[in-house]
N, C-alpha and C. Protein backbone atom coordinates (compact mmCIF):
# COMPACT_ATOMS: atom_id res chain seq x y z
N UNK A 1 79.77 112.60 88.13
CA UNK A 1 80.20 111.81 89.26
C UNK A 1 80.26 110.34 88.85
N UNK A 2 81.28 109.67 89.32
CA UNK A 2 81.46 108.26 89.00
C UNK A 2 80.44 107.40 89.73
N UNK A 3 80.18 106.25 89.13
CA UNK A 3 79.30 105.28 89.75
C UNK A 3 80.08 104.50 90.81
N UNK A 4 79.48 104.27 91.95
CA UNK A 4 80.13 103.55 93.04
C UNK A 4 80.27 102.08 92.69
N UNK A 5 81.46 101.52 92.85
CA UNK A 5 81.72 100.12 92.53
C UNK A 5 81.82 99.32 93.82
N UNK A 6 80.75 98.61 94.17
CA UNK A 6 80.69 97.83 95.40
C UNK A 6 81.63 96.64 95.37
N UNK A 7 81.88 96.10 94.21
CA UNK A 7 82.72 94.91 94.10
C UNK A 7 84.18 95.20 94.45
N UNK A 8 84.71 96.27 93.92
CA UNK A 8 86.09 96.61 94.26
C UNK A 8 86.19 97.04 95.71
N UNK A 9 85.17 97.72 96.21
CA UNK A 9 85.15 98.11 97.61
C UNK A 9 85.15 96.90 98.52
N UNK A 10 84.32 95.94 98.18
CA UNK A 10 84.25 94.72 98.98
C UNK A 10 85.55 93.95 98.96
N UNK A 11 86.18 93.89 97.80
CA UNK A 11 87.46 93.20 97.68
C UNK A 11 88.52 93.85 98.56
N UNK A 12 88.68 95.15 98.42
CA UNK A 12 89.71 95.86 99.18
C UNK A 12 89.44 95.83 100.67
N UNK A 13 88.20 96.06 101.06
CA UNK A 13 87.91 96.14 102.49
C UNK A 13 87.97 94.77 103.18
N UNK A 14 87.57 93.71 102.50
CA UNK A 14 87.63 92.39 103.13
C UNK A 14 89.08 91.95 103.32
N UNK A 15 89.91 92.20 102.33
CA UNK A 15 91.32 91.83 102.47
C UNK A 15 92.01 92.69 103.54
N UNK A 16 91.69 93.97 103.58
CA UNK A 16 92.26 94.84 104.59
C UNK A 16 91.82 94.44 105.99
N UNK A 17 90.56 94.07 106.15
CA UNK A 17 90.09 93.65 107.47
C UNK A 17 90.82 92.40 107.94
N UNK A 18 91.01 91.44 107.07
CA UNK A 18 91.75 90.23 107.46
C UNK A 18 93.18 90.58 107.89
N UNK A 19 93.82 91.47 107.17
CA UNK A 19 95.18 91.89 107.52
C UNK A 19 95.19 92.61 108.86
N UNK A 20 94.25 93.52 109.07
CA UNK A 20 94.21 94.27 110.32
C UNK A 20 93.91 93.38 111.52
N UNK A 21 93.01 92.43 111.36
CA UNK A 21 92.67 91.53 112.46
C UNK A 21 93.89 90.69 112.87
N UNK A 22 94.54 90.09 111.90
CA UNK A 22 95.69 89.24 112.21
C UNK A 22 96.85 90.06 112.74
N UNK A 23 97.11 91.20 112.13
CA UNK A 23 98.21 92.04 112.58
C UNK A 23 97.99 92.55 114.00
N UNK A 24 96.77 92.93 114.32
CA UNK A 24 96.50 93.45 115.66
C UNK A 24 96.57 92.35 116.72
N UNK A 25 96.27 91.12 116.34
CA UNK A 25 96.38 90.02 117.30
C UNK A 25 97.83 89.57 117.49
N UNK A 26 98.64 89.72 116.49
CA UNK A 26 100.05 89.31 116.59
C UNK A 26 100.95 90.40 117.15
N UNK A 27 100.54 91.65 117.02
CA UNK A 27 101.38 92.76 117.46
C UNK A 27 100.65 93.60 118.51
N UNK A 28 101.07 93.45 119.75
CA UNK A 28 100.45 94.21 120.84
C UNK A 28 100.62 95.73 120.65
N UNK A 29 101.79 96.22 120.20
CA UNK A 29 101.91 97.67 119.98
C UNK A 29 100.95 98.20 118.91
N UNK A 30 100.73 97.41 117.86
CA UNK A 30 99.79 97.84 116.82
C UNK A 30 98.36 97.89 117.36
N UNK A 31 98.00 96.90 118.15
CA UNK A 31 96.66 96.87 118.76
C UNK A 31 96.48 98.05 119.70
N UNK A 32 97.51 98.36 120.47
CA UNK A 32 97.46 99.51 121.37
C UNK A 32 97.38 100.81 120.59
N UNK A 33 98.11 100.89 119.49
CA UNK A 33 98.04 102.07 118.63
C UNK A 33 96.64 102.28 118.09
N UNK A 34 96.00 101.21 117.61
CA UNK A 34 94.63 101.33 117.11
C UNK A 34 93.68 101.79 118.22
N UNK A 35 93.87 101.24 119.41
CA UNK A 35 93.01 101.61 120.54
C UNK A 35 93.27 103.05 120.98
N UNK A 36 94.49 103.54 120.79
CA UNK A 36 94.79 104.91 121.20
C UNK A 36 94.21 105.94 120.24
N UNK A 37 94.09 105.58 118.97
CA UNK A 37 93.50 106.50 118.00
C UNK A 37 92.01 106.64 118.25
N UNK A 38 91.35 105.51 118.46
CA UNK A 38 89.92 105.50 118.76
C UNK A 38 89.77 104.88 120.14
N UNK A 39 88.59 104.70 120.62
CA UNK A 39 88.42 104.20 121.98
C UNK A 39 88.67 102.70 122.10
N UNK A 40 88.59 101.98 121.00
CA UNK A 40 88.81 100.53 121.02
C UNK A 40 89.39 100.11 119.68
N UNK A 41 90.16 99.03 119.68
CA UNK A 41 90.83 98.62 118.44
C UNK A 41 89.83 98.16 117.38
N UNK A 42 88.68 97.61 117.77
CA UNK A 42 87.69 97.21 116.78
C UNK A 42 87.04 98.42 116.12
N UNK A 43 86.87 99.49 116.87
CA UNK A 43 86.31 100.72 116.29
C UNK A 43 87.30 101.31 115.29
N UNK A 44 88.58 101.25 115.62
CA UNK A 44 89.61 101.73 114.68
C UNK A 44 89.59 100.92 113.39
N UNK A 45 89.45 99.61 113.51
CA UNK A 45 89.39 98.76 112.32
C UNK A 45 88.15 99.10 111.50
N UNK A 46 87.04 99.31 112.17
CA UNK A 46 85.80 99.67 111.48
C UNK A 46 85.97 100.96 110.69
N UNK A 47 86.54 101.97 111.30
CA UNK A 47 86.71 103.27 110.64
C UNK A 47 87.67 103.14 109.46
N UNK A 48 88.78 102.46 109.65
CA UNK A 48 89.76 102.31 108.57
C UNK A 48 89.16 101.54 107.39
N UNK A 49 88.48 100.44 107.68
CA UNK A 49 87.89 99.63 106.61
C UNK A 49 86.77 100.40 105.91
N UNK A 50 85.97 101.16 106.66
CA UNK A 50 84.89 101.95 106.05
C UNK A 50 85.45 103.03 105.13
N UNK A 51 86.51 103.68 105.55
CA UNK A 51 87.13 104.72 104.71
C UNK A 51 87.69 104.10 103.44
N UNK A 52 88.36 102.96 103.55
CA UNK A 52 88.89 102.28 102.37
C UNK A 52 87.74 101.83 101.46
N UNK A 53 86.66 101.32 102.04
CA UNK A 53 85.50 100.89 101.27
C UNK A 53 84.96 102.04 100.42
N UNK A 54 84.80 103.20 101.02
CA UNK A 54 84.25 104.36 100.32
C UNK A 54 85.22 104.89 99.26
N UNK A 55 86.49 105.04 99.63
CA UNK A 55 87.47 105.59 98.68
C UNK A 55 87.67 104.68 97.47
N UNK A 56 87.83 103.40 97.72
CA UNK A 56 88.05 102.48 96.61
C UNK A 56 86.81 102.39 95.72
N UNK A 57 85.64 102.41 96.35
CA UNK A 57 84.40 102.33 95.57
C UNK A 57 84.21 103.47 94.61
N UNK A 58 84.65 104.65 94.98
CA UNK A 58 84.49 105.81 94.11
C UNK A 58 85.63 105.96 93.10
N UNK A 59 86.83 105.50 93.44
CA UNK A 59 87.97 105.81 92.59
C UNK A 59 88.47 104.66 91.73
N UNK A 60 87.97 103.46 91.93
CA UNK A 60 88.40 102.34 91.09
C UNK A 60 87.17 101.78 90.41
N UNK A 61 87.06 102.00 89.13
CA UNK A 61 85.84 101.61 88.43
C UNK A 61 86.09 100.62 87.28
N UNK A 62 87.11 99.79 87.42
CA UNK A 62 87.42 98.81 86.39
C UNK A 62 86.46 97.62 86.49
N UNK A 63 86.28 96.93 85.39
CA UNK A 63 85.44 95.73 85.35
C UNK A 63 86.25 94.46 85.54
N UNK A 64 87.56 94.55 85.44
CA UNK A 64 88.44 93.40 85.59
C UNK A 64 89.51 93.72 86.63
N UNK A 65 89.91 92.70 87.36
CA UNK A 65 91.00 92.82 88.32
C UNK A 65 91.83 91.55 88.20
N UNK A 66 93.09 91.69 87.89
CA UNK A 66 93.98 90.56 87.65
C UNK A 66 93.47 89.67 86.53
N UNK A 67 92.80 90.26 85.55
CA UNK A 67 92.30 89.51 84.41
C UNK A 67 91.01 88.74 84.68
N UNK A 68 90.46 88.88 85.86
CA UNK A 68 89.24 88.18 86.25
C UNK A 68 88.10 89.18 86.39
N UNK A 69 86.89 88.68 86.26
CA UNK A 69 85.70 89.51 86.45
C UNK A 69 85.68 90.01 87.89
N UNK A 70 85.45 91.29 88.08
CA UNK A 70 85.54 91.91 89.41
C UNK A 70 84.51 91.34 90.38
N UNK A 71 83.37 90.90 89.87
CA UNK A 71 82.36 90.32 90.74
C UNK A 71 82.85 89.01 91.36
N UNK A 72 83.51 88.19 90.55
CA UNK A 72 84.07 86.94 91.06
C UNK A 72 85.19 87.19 92.06
N UNK A 73 86.04 88.15 91.76
CA UNK A 73 87.15 88.49 92.66
C UNK A 73 86.61 88.96 94.01
N UNK A 74 85.54 89.74 94.00
CA UNK A 74 84.95 90.24 95.24
C UNK A 74 84.43 89.09 96.10
N UNK A 75 83.73 88.17 95.48
CA UNK A 75 83.20 87.03 96.24
C UNK A 75 84.33 86.17 96.78
N UNK A 76 85.31 85.86 95.96
CA UNK A 76 86.41 85.01 96.41
C UNK A 76 87.24 85.69 97.49
N UNK A 77 87.49 86.97 97.35
CA UNK A 77 88.29 87.66 98.36
C UNK A 77 87.54 87.73 99.70
N UNK A 78 86.24 87.90 99.66
CA UNK A 78 85.45 87.92 100.89
C UNK A 78 85.47 86.56 101.57
N UNK A 79 85.28 85.51 100.79
CA UNK A 79 85.30 84.16 101.36
C UNK A 79 86.69 83.77 101.88
N UNK A 80 87.72 84.13 101.15
CA UNK A 80 89.08 83.84 101.60
C UNK A 80 89.41 84.62 102.87
N UNK A 81 89.02 85.88 102.94
CA UNK A 81 89.27 86.67 104.14
C UNK A 81 88.55 86.10 105.35
N UNK A 82 87.31 85.70 105.16
CA UNK A 82 86.55 85.08 106.23
C UNK A 82 87.22 83.79 106.70
N UNK A 83 87.65 82.96 105.77
CA UNK A 83 88.30 81.70 106.10
C UNK A 83 89.63 81.93 106.82
N UNK A 84 90.40 82.92 106.36
CA UNK A 84 91.68 83.22 106.98
C UNK A 84 91.48 83.69 108.42
N UNK A 85 90.54 84.58 108.66
CA UNK A 85 90.26 85.06 110.02
C UNK A 85 89.80 83.90 110.89
N UNK A 86 88.89 83.09 110.38
CA UNK A 86 88.36 81.96 111.13
C UNK A 86 89.48 80.98 111.49
N UNK A 87 90.29 80.61 110.51
CA UNK A 87 91.39 79.68 110.77
C UNK A 87 92.44 80.27 111.71
N UNK A 88 92.69 81.55 111.59
CA UNK A 88 93.64 82.20 112.48
C UNK A 88 93.18 82.09 113.93
N UNK A 89 91.92 82.36 114.18
CA UNK A 89 91.41 82.29 115.55
C UNK A 89 91.35 80.85 116.05
N UNK A 90 91.08 79.89 115.19
CA UNK A 90 91.11 78.49 115.60
C UNK A 90 92.54 78.10 115.99
N UNK A 91 93.51 78.43 115.15
CA UNK A 91 94.91 78.12 115.45
C UNK A 91 95.37 78.86 116.69
N UNK A 92 94.97 80.11 116.82
CA UNK A 92 95.33 80.94 117.97
C UNK A 92 94.74 80.34 119.26
N UNK A 93 93.53 79.82 119.19
CA UNK A 93 92.87 79.22 120.35
C UNK A 93 93.52 77.91 120.73
N UNK A 94 93.85 77.08 119.76
CA UNK A 94 94.45 75.77 120.03
C UNK A 94 95.87 75.91 120.55
N UNK A 95 96.62 76.86 120.02
CA UNK A 95 98.02 77.02 120.41
C UNK A 95 98.16 77.68 121.72
């Protein structure tokens, strides 16, 4: 059995969460679709991101991503995703 790679999982799931959050806020039909699959759109995002986290962690075991150390990529992708979500909601609130 392969060793679970938390860094690639974190990278993929953080970027996916940022995409899902912004897409669901910009597209009412997508948000409704997520809510129709599960009881609430946040629960749908949780399930999708958790499944991606587990699948990527088991099936992608490289030490480099885009020529960079996977640990650094994971930290940067998490911070960038957090900043993008935060800025999106600030802009969304102000506008």
